[in-house]
Amino acid sequence: MSTIPVSKETKKRLESIKGEKAWDEFLNELANIALTENRLKNRKRMQKLLEMGYDEVRVKKWAREY
């Protein structure tokens, strides 16, 4: 068991969303939602790169480095 320090305001917001669930279950659900959203965002990014031509991707990578 461990503790995570959060402000009273944050704890109050989380408790209102959490309902009757145990903290562990609730936080695991939040983590799963965040991971799913990150995966979707990364898939969209990859899709854009796949739709671009090779030269466009290469130029974007070069521009990001400088």
N, C-alpha and C. Protein backbone atom coordinates (compact mmCIF):
# COMPACT_ATOMS: atom_id res chain seq x y z
N MET A 1 0.85 -1.17 0.00
CA MET A 1 0.00 0.00 0.00
C MET A 1 0.89 1.23 0.00
N SER A 2 0.46 2.25 -0.74
CA SER A 2 1.21 3.50 -0.77
C SER A 2 0.23 4.66 -0.84
N THR A 3 0.75 5.85 -0.65
CA THR A 3 -0.09 7.04 -0.73
C THR A 3 0.41 7.93 -1.85
N ILE A 4 -0.50 8.68 -2.42
CA ILE A 4 -0.18 9.64 -3.46
C ILE A 4 -0.70 11.00 -2.99
N PRO A 5 0.18 11.95 -2.75
CA PRO A 5 -0.30 13.25 -2.28
C PRO A 5 -1.00 14.03 -3.40
N VAL A 6 -2.21 14.48 -3.13
CA VAL A 6 -2.96 15.33 -4.05
C VAL A 6 -3.64 16.43 -3.23
N SER A 7 -3.97 17.51 -3.89
CA SER A 7 -4.65 18.61 -3.19
C SER A 7 -6.06 18.16 -2.78
N LYS A 8 -6.62 18.88 -1.83
CA LYS A 8 -7.98 18.56 -1.38
C LYS A 8 -8.98 18.73 -2.52
N GLU A 9 -8.76 19.74 -3.34
CA GLU A 9 -9.66 19.99 -4.47
C GLU A 9 -9.63 18.82 -5.46
N THR A 10 -8.43 18.33 -5.75
CA THR A 10 -8.30 17.21 -6.68
C THR A 10 -8.96 15.96 -6.10
N LYS A 11 -8.71 15.70 -4.83
CA LYS A 11 -9.31 14.52 -4.20
C LYS A 11 -10.83 14.61 -4.23
N LYS A 12 -11.36 15.79 -3.99
CA LYS A 12 -12.81 15.97 -4.00
C LYS A 12 -13.37 15.70 -5.39
N ARG A 13 -12.71 16.21 -6.44
CA ARG A 13 -13.16 15.96 -7.81
C ARG A 13 -13.12 14.48 -8.13
N LEU A 14 -12.01 13.83 -7.77
CA LEU A 14 -11.87 12.40 -8.06
C LEU A 14 -12.90 11.57 -7.31
N GLU A 15 -13.15 11.91 -6.06
CA GLU A 15 -14.13 11.17 -5.27
C GLU A 15 -15.53 11.28 -5.87
N SER A 16 -15.85 12.45 -6.44
CA SER A 16 -17.18 12.62 -7.04
C SER A 16 -17.34 11.76 -8.30
N ILE A 17 -16.24 11.52 -8.99
CA ILE A 17 -16.28 10.69 -10.20
C ILE A 17 -16.21 9.21 -9.84
N LYS A 18 -15.43 8.90 -8.82
CA LYS A 18 -15.14 7.53 -8.42
C LYS A 18 -16.37 6.76 -7.98
N GLY A 19 -17.26 7.41 -7.29
CA GLY A 19 -18.46 6.73 -6.78
C GLY A 19 -18.10 5.67 -5.75
N GLU A 20 -18.67 4.48 -5.90
CA GLU A 20 -18.49 3.40 -4.93
C GLU A 20 -17.28 2.51 -5.21
N LYS A 21 -16.58 2.77 -6.30
CA LYS A 21 -15.43 1.94 -6.66
C LYS A 21 -14.30 2.13 -5.67
N ALA A 22 -13.48 1.09 -5.56
CA ALA A 22 -12.25 1.19 -4.75
C ALA A 22 -11.28 2.09 -5.51
N TRP A 23 -10.41 2.77 -4.77
CA TRP A 23 -9.44 3.67 -5.41
C TRP A 23 -8.59 2.93 -6.45
N ASP A 24 -8.16 1.74 -6.13
CA ASP A 24 -7.31 0.97 -7.05
C ASP A 24 -8.04 0.72 -8.37
N GLU A 25 -9.27 0.28 -8.28
CA GLU A 25 -10.07 0.01 -9.48
C GLU A 25 -10.28 1.29 -10.28
N PHE A 26 -10.64 2.35 -9.59
CA PHE A 26 -10.89 3.64 -10.24
C PHE A 26 -9.65 4.17 -10.95
N LEU A 27 -8.50 4.14 -10.28
CA LEU A 27 -7.27 4.65 -10.89
C LEU A 27 -6.82 3.79 -12.05
N ASN A 28 -7.03 2.47 -11.95
CA ASN A 28 -6.72 1.60 -13.09
C ASN A 28 -7.59 1.94 -14.30
N GLU A 29 -8.85 2.22 -14.07
CA GLU A 29 -9.73 2.63 -15.16
C GLU A 29 -9.25 3.93 -15.80
N LEU A 30 -8.87 4.91 -14.97
CA LEU A 30 -8.35 6.17 -15.51
C LEU A 30 -7.09 5.94 -16.34
N ALA A 31 -6.20 5.08 -15.84
CA ALA A 31 -4.97 4.78 -16.57
C ALA A 31 -5.29 4.12 -17.91
N ASN A 32 -6.25 3.21 -17.92
CA ASN A 32 -6.64 2.54 -19.17
C ASN A 32 -7.23 3.52 -20.17
N ILE A 33 -8.02 4.46 -19.69
CA ILE A 33 -8.60 5.48 -20.57
C ILE A 33 -7.48 6.34 -21.17
N ALA A 34 -6.53 6.75 -20.34
CA ALA A 34 -5.42 7.57 -20.82
C ALA A 34 -4.59 6.81 -21.86
N LEU A 35 -4.31 5.55 -21.61
CA LEU A 35 -3.54 4.75 -22.56
C LEU A 35 -4.28 4.59 -23.88
N THR A 36 -5.57 4.36 -23.81
CA THR A 36 -6.38 4.21 -25.02
C THR A 36 -6.36 5.50 -25.84
N GLU A 37 -6.52 6.64 -25.17
CA GLU A 37 -6.49 7.92 -25.87
C GLU A 37 -5.13 8.18 -26.50
N ASN A 38 -4.06 7.85 -25.80
CA ASN A 38 -2.71 8.02 -26.36
C ASN A 38 -2.52 7.13 -27.58
N ARG A 39 -2.99 5.91 -27.51
CA ARG A 39 -2.87 5.00 -28.66
C ARG A 39 -3.63 5.54 -29.86
N LEU A 40 -4.84 6.03 -29.63
CA LEU A 40 -5.63 6.58 -30.73
C LEU A 40 -4.93 7.79 -31.35
N LYS A 41 -4.39 8.65 -30.49
CA LYS A 41 -3.68 9.83 -30.98
C LYS A 41 -2.46 9.42 -31.81
N ASN A 42 -1.73 8.42 -31.33
CA ASN A 42 -0.55 7.95 -32.06
C ASN A 42 -0.94 7.27 -33.37
N ARG A 43 -2.05 6.54 -33.39
CA ARG A 43 -2.52 5.92 -34.63
C ARG A 43 -2.86 6.98 -35.67
N LYS A 44 -3.52 8.06 -35.22
CA LYS A 44 -3.86 9.14 -36.14
C LYS A 44 -2.59 9.77 -36.70
N ARG A 45 -1.59 9.98 -35.84
CA ARG A 45 -0.31 10.53 -36.30
C ARG A 45 0.35 9.62 -37.32
N MET A 46 0.35 8.33 -37.02
CA MET A 46 0.96 7.36 -37.94
C MET A 46 0.20 7.33 -39.27
N GLN A 47 -1.13 7.41 -39.20
CA GLN A 47 -1.94 7.40 -40.41
C GLN A 47 -1.58 8.60 -41.29
N LYS A 48 -1.42 9.78 -40.67
CA LYS A 48 -1.04 10.96 -41.43
C LYS A 48 0.32 10.76 -42.09
N LEU A 49 1.26 10.18 -41.35
CA LEU A 49 2.58 9.94 -41.93
C LEU A 49 2.52 8.95 -43.08
N LEU A 50 1.69 7.93 -42.94
CA LEU A 50 1.56 6.95 -44.01
C LEU A 50 0.91 7.54 -45.26
N GLU A 51 0.06 8.52 -45.07
CA GLU A 51 -0.61 9.16 -46.20
C GLU A 51 0.31 10.16 -46.91
N MET A 52 1.31 10.65 -46.20
CA MET A 52 2.24 11.62 -46.78
C MET A 52 3.23 10.90 -47.70
N GLY A 53 3.76 11.65 -48.62
CA GLY A 53 4.81 11.10 -49.45
C GLY A 53 6.12 11.02 -48.68
N TYR A 54 7.04 10.20 -49.16
CA TYR A 54 8.32 10.01 -48.48
C TYR A 54 9.06 11.34 -48.31
N ASP A 55 9.08 12.16 -49.35
CA ASP A 55 9.80 13.43 -49.28
C ASP A 55 9.21 14.37 -48.24
N GLU A 56 7.88 14.40 -48.13
CA GLU A 56 7.23 15.23 -47.12
C GLU A 56 7.64 14.83 -45.72
N VAL A 57 7.65 13.54 -45.45
CA VAL A 57 8.02 13.03 -44.12
C VAL A 57 9.46 13.37 -43.83
N ARG A 58 10.33 13.19 -44.81
CA ARG A 58 11.75 13.46 -44.63
C ARG A 58 11.97 14.94 -44.33
N VAL A 59 11.28 15.83 -45.02
CA VAL A 59 11.41 17.27 -44.80
C VAL A 59 10.90 17.64 -43.42
N LYS A 60 9.77 17.08 -43.00
CA LYS A 60 9.24 17.37 -41.68
C LYS A 60 10.20 16.92 -40.59
N LYS A 61 10.81 15.75 -40.75
CA LYS A 61 11.77 15.27 -39.76
C LYS A 61 12.97 16.19 -39.70
N TRP A 62 13.45 16.62 -40.86
CA TRP A 62 14.59 17.51 -40.91
C TRP A 62 14.26 18.84 -40.24
N ALA A 63 13.07 19.38 -40.51
CA ALA A 63 12.67 20.66 -39.94
C ALA A 63 12.53 20.57 -38.43
N ARG A 64 12.08 19.45 -37.93
CA ARG A 64 11.93 19.26 -36.48
C ARG A 64 13.30 19.25 -35.79
N GLU A 65 14.31 18.74 -36.46
CA GLU A 65 15.65 18.65 -35.87
C GLU A 65 16.31 20.02 -35.77
N TYR A 66 15.91 20.98 -36.62
CA TYR A 66 16.54 22.30 -36.64
C TYR A 66 15.57 23.36 -36.35
